[in-house]
Protein backbone atom coordinates (compact mmCIF):
# COMPACT_ATOMS: atom_id res chain seq x y z
CA MET A 1 42.47 101.24 103.17
CA GLY A 2 38.93 102.56 102.99
CA ASN A 3 37.62 99.11 102.15
CA ILE A 4 39.41 97.75 105.19
CA LEU A 5 37.94 100.45 107.41
CA LEU A 6 34.51 99.76 105.93
CA SER A 7 34.91 96.11 106.64
CA GLU A 8 35.88 96.85 110.20
CA GLY A 9 32.85 99.14 110.52
CA ALA A 10 30.58 96.42 109.12
CA ILE A 11 32.01 93.92 111.55
CA ILE A 12 31.39 96.30 114.45
CA PHE A 13 27.87 96.91 113.17
CA TYR A 14 27.10 93.21 112.99
CA ILE A 15 28.57 92.68 116.41
CA VAL A 16 26.38 95.45 117.81
CA VAL A 17 23.34 93.96 116.07
CA ILE A 18 24.10 90.49 117.41
CA ILE A 19 24.69 91.82 120.90
CA GLY A 20 21.51 93.87 120.67
CA ALA A 21 19.52 90.88 119.48
CA PHE A 22 20.99 88.78 122.25
CA ILE A 23 20.12 91.45 124.80
CA LEU A 24 16.56 91.68 123.46
CA TYR A 25 16.29 87.90 123.54
CA ALA A 26 17.63 87.80 127.07
CA LEU A 27 15.27 90.57 128.14
CA ASP A 28 12.39 88.69 126.53
CA LEU A 29 13.38 85.54 128.40
CA ILE A 30 13.63 87.45 131.66
CA ASN A 31 10.34 89.21 130.98
CA ASN A 32 8.67 85.91 130.09
CA GLU A 33 10.04 84.31 133.26
CA LEU A 34 8.75 87.19 135.37
CA ARG A 35 5.33 86.85 133.76
CA GLU A 36 5.27 83.11 134.41
CA ARG A 37 6.21 83.64 138.03
CA ASN A 38 3.54 86.30 138.41
CA LEU A 39 0.87 84.02 136.94
CA GLU A 40 2.07 81.11 139.03
CA SER A 41 1.83 83.20 142.19
CA LEU A 42 -1.66 84.48 141.39
CA LEU A 43 -3.16 81.05 140.63
CA PHE A 44 -1.07 78.37 142.31
CA LYS A 45 -0.23 80.23 145.52
CA LYS A 46 -2.83 82.96 146.11
CA PHE A 47 -5.86 81.41 144.32
CA GLU A 48 -6.73 84.87 142.92
CA VAL A 49 -8.50 83.39 139.92
CA ASP A 50 -10.19 86.55 138.63
CA GLU A 51 -6.95 88.53 138.78
CA TYR A 52 -5.12 85.64 137.11
CA ILE A 53 -7.58 85.58 134.19
CA LYS A 54 -7.33 89.37 133.84
CA VAL A 55 -3.53 89.37 133.74
CA VAL A 56 -3.40 86.43 131.32
CA SER A 57 -5.75 88.29 128.97
CA GLU A 58 -3.47 91.36 129.10
CA TYR A 59 -0.38 89.29 128.34
CA GLY A 60 -2.13 87.62 125.41
CA ALA A 61 -3.32 90.93 123.99
CA LYS A 62 0.20 92.41 124.06
CA SER A 63 1.93 89.40 122.56
CA ARG A 64 2.62 88.99 118.83
CA ASN A 65 4.00 85.47 119.08
CA LYS A 66 1.50 82.75 118.10
CA ALA A 67 2.96 80.18 120.47
CA LYS A 68 2.74 82.59 123.39
CA ILE A 69 -0.79 83.64 122.48
CA THR A 70 -1.79 79.97 122.33
CA LYS A 71 -0.20 79.38 125.72
CA TYR A 72 -2.05 82.32 127.26
CA ASN A 73 -5.33 81.09 125.76
CA ILE A 74 -4.75 77.75 127.47
CA TYR A 75 -3.88 79.56 130.70
CA LYS A 76 -7.15 81.48 130.46
CA ALA A 77 -9.04 78.21 130.00
CA GLN A 78 -7.20 76.86 133.02
CA GLY A 79 -8.27 79.83 135.14
CA LEU A 80 -11.89 79.49 134.02
CA TYR A 81 -11.81 75.80 134.97
CA TYR A 82 -10.68 76.57 138.51
CA LYS A 83 -13.42 79.19 138.69
CA GLY A 84 -15.98 76.53 137.76
CA GLU A 85 -16.82 77.92 134.30
CA ASN A 86 -16.19 74.83 132.17
CA GLU A 87 -18.11 75.92 129.08
CA LYS A 88 -16.12 79.14 128.71
CA ALA A 89 -12.92 77.21 129.38
CA LEU A 90 -13.70 74.78 126.55
CA GLU A 91 -14.30 77.70 124.19
CA TRP A 92 -10.79 79.04 124.80
CA LEU A 93 -9.30 75.56 124.42
CA LYS A 94 -11.05 75.30 121.07
CA VAL A 95 -9.34 78.54 120.00
CA ALA A 96 -5.97 77.12 121.03
CA GLU A 97 -6.49 73.64 119.57
CA PRO A 98 -5.30 74.22 115.95
CA GLU A 99 -1.95 75.67 117.07
CA VAL A 100 -1.49 72.91 119.65
CA GLU A 101 -2.03 70.17 117.07
CA LYS A 102 0.62 71.47 114.69
CA SER A 103 3.07 72.54 117.40
CA GLU A 104 6.11 70.47 118.38
CA ASP A 105 6.24 72.11 121.81
CA MET A 106 5.57 69.28 124.27
CA TYR A 107 4.97 71.69 127.14
CA LEU A 108 2.17 73.31 125.13
CA LYS A 109 0.63 69.91 124.42
CA MET A 110 0.87 68.89 128.09
CA ILE A 111 -0.79 71.97 129.56
CA TYR A 112 -3.50 71.73 126.91
CA ALA A 113 -4.14 68.04 127.67
CA SER A 114 -4.03 68.67 131.42
CA THR A 115 -6.64 71.43 131.27
CA PHE A 116 -8.81 69.62 128.73
CA PHE A 117 -9.01 66.34 130.67
CA LYS A 118 -9.68 68.06 133.99
CA ILE A 119 -12.72 69.68 132.40
CA LEU A 120 -13.74 66.52 130.54
CA PHE A 121 -13.60 64.31 133.65
CA ASP A 122 -15.43 66.95 135.65
CA ILE A 123 -18.32 66.75 133.18
CA GLY A 124 -18.58 62.96 133.38
CA TYR A 125 -17.72 59.70 131.63
CA ASN A 126 -19.04 57.92 128.55
CA ASP A 127 -17.75 56.06 125.49
CA LYS A 128 -16.78 59.30 123.77
CA VAL A 129 -14.67 60.36 126.76
CA GLU A 130 -13.00 56.94 126.74
CA GLN A 131 -12.10 57.31 123.06
CA ILE A 132 -10.63 60.78 123.58
CA TYR A 133 -8.65 59.56 126.60
CA GLN A 134 -7.17 56.57 124.78
CA LYS A 135 -6.26 58.79 121.82
CA ASN A 136 -4.29 61.18 124.04
CA LYS A 137 -3.09 58.71 126.68
CA LYS A 138 0.47 58.82 125.34
CA ILE A 139 0.73 62.46 126.42
CA ILE A 140 -0.41 61.56 129.95
CA ASP A 141 2.11 58.72 130.01
CA LYS A 142 4.85 61.20 129.08
CA MET A 143 3.73 63.43 131.94
CA ILE A 144 4.11 60.55 134.39
CA THR A 145 7.65 59.83 133.19
CA SER A 146 8.53 63.55 133.23
CA SER A 147 10.18 64.93 136.36
CA THR A 148 8.47 68.31 136.08
CA ASN A 149 4.97 67.09 135.09
CA LYS A 150 4.71 63.83 137.02
CA PHE A 151 2.11 65.20 139.40
CA ASP A 152 -0.19 66.28 136.56
CA GLY A 153 0.16 62.85 134.91
CA LEU A 154 -0.73 60.97 138.11
CA TYR A 155 -3.52 63.42 138.91
CA LEU A 156 -5.14 62.91 135.49
CA SER A 157 -4.75 59.13 135.80
CA GLY A 158 -6.48 59.30 139.18
CA LEU A 159 -9.31 61.39 137.74
CA TYR A 160 -9.73 58.87 134.93
CA VAL A 161 -10.27 55.85 137.19
CA LYS A 162 -12.33 57.92 139.66
CA VAL A 163 -14.77 59.07 136.99
CA LYS A 164 -15.15 55.39 136.01
CA GLY A 165 -16.16 54.58 139.58
CA LEU A 166 -12.91 52.78 140.49
CA ASN A 167 -12.49 54.58 143.81
CA LYS A 168 -9.99 52.14 145.32
CA GLU A 169 -7.63 52.53 142.37
CA ALA A 170 -8.16 56.30 142.40
CA TYR A 171 -7.27 56.42 146.10
CA GLU A 172 -3.98 54.61 145.45
CA ILE A 173 -3.03 56.89 142.54
CA PHE A 174 -3.92 60.11 144.37
CA SER A 175 -1.98 58.90 147.42
CA GLU A 176 1.09 58.40 145.22
CA ALA A 177 0.60 61.85 143.67
CA LYS A 178 0.98 63.39 147.14
CA ASN A 179 4.71 62.76 146.87
CA TYR A 180 4.96 65.06 143.83
CA ALA A 181 2.62 67.92 144.77
CA ILE A 182 4.67 71.12 144.99
CA HIS A 183 2.30 74.04 144.62
CA LYS A 184 -0.39 74.94 147.11
CA LEU A 185 -3.08 74.60 144.46
CA GLN A 186 -1.92 71.09 143.56
CA LYS A 187 -2.19 70.02 147.21
CA VAL A 188 -5.65 71.55 147.56
CA MET A 189 -6.96 69.86 144.40
CA LEU A 190 -5.48 66.56 145.51
CA SER A 191 -7.14 66.81 148.94
CA PHE A 192 -10.39 67.73 147.19
CA GLN A 193 -10.28 64.52 145.15
CA LEU A 194 -9.14 62.36 148.07
CA ALA A 195 -11.96 63.68 150.28
CA GLN A 196 -14.53 62.49 147.73
CA VAL A 197 -12.85 59.13 147.20
CA CYS A 198 -12.52 58.54 150.97
CA ILE A 199 -16.23 59.25 151.46
CA ALA A 200 -17.03 56.70 148.74
CA LEU A 201 -14.73 54.16 150.45
CA SER A 202 -16.19 54.94 153.93
CA LYS A 203 -12.80 56.26 155.10
CA LEU A 204 -14.64 59.02 156.95
CA GLU A 205 -11.85 60.08 159.33
CA GLU A 206 -9.43 60.52 156.44
CA ALA A 207 -12.13 62.27 154.41
CA GLU A 208 -12.56 64.74 157.27
CA ILE A 209 -8.82 65.47 157.35
CA GLU A 210 -8.66 66.03 153.58
CA THR A 211 -11.76 68.23 153.74
CA GLU A 212 -10.15 70.41 156.41
CA ASN A 213 -7.02 70.68 154.25
CA VAL A 214 -9.16 72.20 151.51
CA MET A 215 -11.49 74.40 153.54
CA ASN A 216 -8.65 75.87 155.63
CA THR A 217 -7.38 77.60 152.48
CA LYS A 218 -10.67 79.36 151.86
CA LYS A 219 -10.20 83.10 152.19
CA LYS A 220 -12.69 85.91 152.63
CA SER A 221 -12.46 86.80 148.96
CA LYS A 222 -14.67 86.63 145.90
CA ASN A 223 -11.96 84.66 144.09
CA TYR A 224 -12.99 81.27 145.44
CA LEU A 225 -12.00 78.05 143.74
CA PHE A 226 -15.00 76.00 142.62
CA VAL A 227 -13.92 73.17 144.94
CA TYR A 228 -15.11 75.03 148.04
CA GLU A 229 -18.73 75.15 146.93
CA VAL A 230 -18.69 71.58 145.63
CA LEU A 231 -17.12 70.21 148.81
CA GLU A 232 -19.54 72.11 151.05
CA LYS A 233 -22.42 70.54 149.13
CA ILE A 234 -20.91 67.06 149.46
CA ILE A 235 -20.40 67.55 153.21
CA LYS A 236 -24.00 68.71 153.63
CA GLU A 237 -25.35 65.72 151.70
CA THR A 238 -23.12 63.29 153.61
CA ARG A 239 -24.20 64.68 156.97
CA SER A 240 -27.85 64.54 155.90
CA GLN A 241 -27.45 60.90 154.96
CA SER A 242 -25.77 60.20 158.30
CA ILE A 243 -28.67 61.83 160.17
CA ASN A 244 -31.18 59.80 158.18
CA ILE A 245 -29.25 56.61 158.85
CA SER A 246 -29.04 57.49 162.54
CA SER A 247 -32.80 58.15 162.64
CA VAL A 248 -33.51 54.83 160.94
CA ASP A 249 -31.21 53.06 163.38
CA LYS A 250 -33.05 54.60 166.33
CA ASP A 251 -36.45 53.62 164.93
CA LEU A 252 -35.19 50.11 164.27
CA GLU A 253 -33.70 49.89 167.75
CA GLU A 254 -37.01 51.02 169.31
CA GLN A 255 -38.94 48.53 167.20
CA GLN A 256 -36.59 45.70 168.17
CA ARG A 257 -36.87 46.67 171.82
CA LYS A 258 -40.69 46.65 171.62
CA GLU A 259 -40.70 43.31 169.82
CA ALA A 260 -38.36 41.82 172.41
CA LEU A 261 -40.58 43.12 175.23
CA ASP A 262 -43.74 41.74 173.58
CA LYS A 263 -42.04 38.41 173.06
CA MET A 264 -40.98 38.26 176.70
CA ASN A 265 -44.50 39.09 177.91
CA LYS A 266 -45.97 36.43 175.63
CA GLU A 267 -43.54 33.82 176.90
CA VAL A 268 -44.44 34.65 180.50
CA GLU A 269 -48.17 34.34 179.76
CA GLU A 270 -47.66 31.00 178.00
CA ALA A 271 -45.57 29.72 180.90
CA ILE A 272 -48.34 30.62 183.34
CA LEU A 273 -51.06 28.98 181.22
CA LYS A 274 -49.03 25.79 180.67
CA GLY A 275 -48.22 25.36 184.35
CA ASP A 276 -49.44 22.07 185.91
CA ASP A 277 -52.36 22.33 188.35
CA LYS A 278 -50.49 20.27 190.93
CA ASP A 279 -47.67 22.73 190.83
CA THR A 280 -50.02 25.70 191.02
CA LYS A 281 -50.80 26.58 194.59
CA GLU A 282 -53.34 29.03 195.82
CA VAL A 283 -51.75 31.96 197.49
CA LYS A 284 -53.66 33.21 200.55
CA THR A 285 -53.19 36.37 202.51
CA ASP A 286 -54.29 37.49 205.96
CA GLU A 287 -56.33 40.56 206.76
CA ASN A 288 -53.18 42.72 206.53
CA GLY A 289 -52.34 41.43 203.05
CA ASN A 290 -49.44 39.24 204.21
CA ILE A 291 -48.91 35.87 202.54
CA VAL A 292 -49.93 33.00 204.78
CA LYS A 293 -47.73 29.93 204.65
CA GLU A 294 -49.22 26.50 203.95
CA LYS A 295 -48.50 25.22 207.48
CA GLU A 296 -50.21 28.21 208.99
CA ILE A 297 -53.28 27.53 206.81
CA ASP A 298 -53.52 23.90 208.04
CA GLU A 299 -53.43 24.96 211.70
CA ASP A 300 -56.18 27.53 211.15
CA VAL A 301 -58.40 24.96 209.46
CA LYS A 302 -57.86 22.51 212.31
CA LYS A 303 -58.70 25.16 214.87
CA LEU A 304 -61.84 26.13 212.96
CA GLN A 305 -62.93 22.50 212.81
CA GLU A 306 -62.46 22.13 216.59
CA GLU A 307 -64.53 25.27 217.19
CA GLU A 308 -67.30 23.95 214.97
CA ALA A 309 -67.30 20.59 216.83
CA PHE A 310 -67.39 22.30 220.22
CA LYS A 311 -70.25 24.50 219.08
CA GLU A 312 -72.17 21.50 217.81
CA GLU A 313 -71.58 19.66 221.07
CA LEU A 314 -72.74 22.67 223.09
CA GLU A 315 -75.92 22.93 221.02
CA ASN A 316 -76.65 19.23 221.66
CA LEU A 317 -76.16 19.61 225.40
CA THR A 318 -78.48 22.62 225.46
CA LYS A 319 -81.09 20.73 223.50
CA ASN A 320 -80.92 17.71 225.84
CA LEU A 321 -81.17 19.91 228.92
CA HIS A 322 -84.25 21.59 227.50
CA ASN A 323 -85.94 18.22 226.88
CA GLU A 324 -85.22 17.01 230.41
CA MET A 325 -86.83 20.15 231.84
CA LEU A 326 -89.97 19.53 229.78
CA VAL A 327 -90.22 15.96 231.09
CA ASN A 328 -89.93 16.99 234.76
CA ASN A 329 -92.62 19.60 234.40
CA ASN A 330 -95.08 17.06 233.02
CA LEU A 331 -94.45 14.69 235.88
CA ASN A 332 -95.07 17.34 238.51
CA LYS A 333 -98.45 18.08 237.04
């Protein structure tokens, strides 16, 4: 009877242990979910990068699970990337790398690859980057086929072709990614990339819209995303180039206008010099400066000739009369 009671007590004990373990597991899941939501809110909704990094560090310090510690290290690298501190971010990814390589957790591999390639493509492109991308491309392909990570897969694919200078292809991929952007941060980062690509493709109106989408989220806080500073610099450089182009256009327009005017003046001078003498008529004016018509000139000449003839005739008559008077005087003597 005692053995039976002991067996029943053992059963109850094991049941309590199992229930307790289940409760602890459930509490851990709930606690983990609350932490994830808190981190998601800080980074993806509020853009409070400094606070996000601080909280992630606290979670990592309290955890005793290697997988969770690795995840928080990747999260910290992610926060540092959005803050614009790529070198520090790479250091934390290096800490997480060994556990990621031997882990079978695909989520862990995806968030590692996502953070790593964002930093890598931000630095630039060369043969080494191409080799690393091709080696890990299968993970990005899985992201694209995944319902929960499709945006990240498309975003990384867009970054890849953009960093290679294929802006048209990048524009198409980023435009498709718009359909899968859920979080505020995803939309901001996508507009940030599209603004740059649109400027490169001379889609200036669209670039302006995407720029406004980014800058409208800028708050009066020290926790700025790095994209604000980068985009402000790009806008300043683009406007400076536009002013320079406008200035060159004005100078060119003025030069063309001057050349056209000089050409016109030269043509007029040549036309005057090449004019036939028979077609060139002397223009005469009267004492008031009015142009005298050709007919009027002929009549004046005729009148002048008549006056000269009359004057000559009068002088001859006077001369003859004087001679006759001399003759008569001699006779009377």
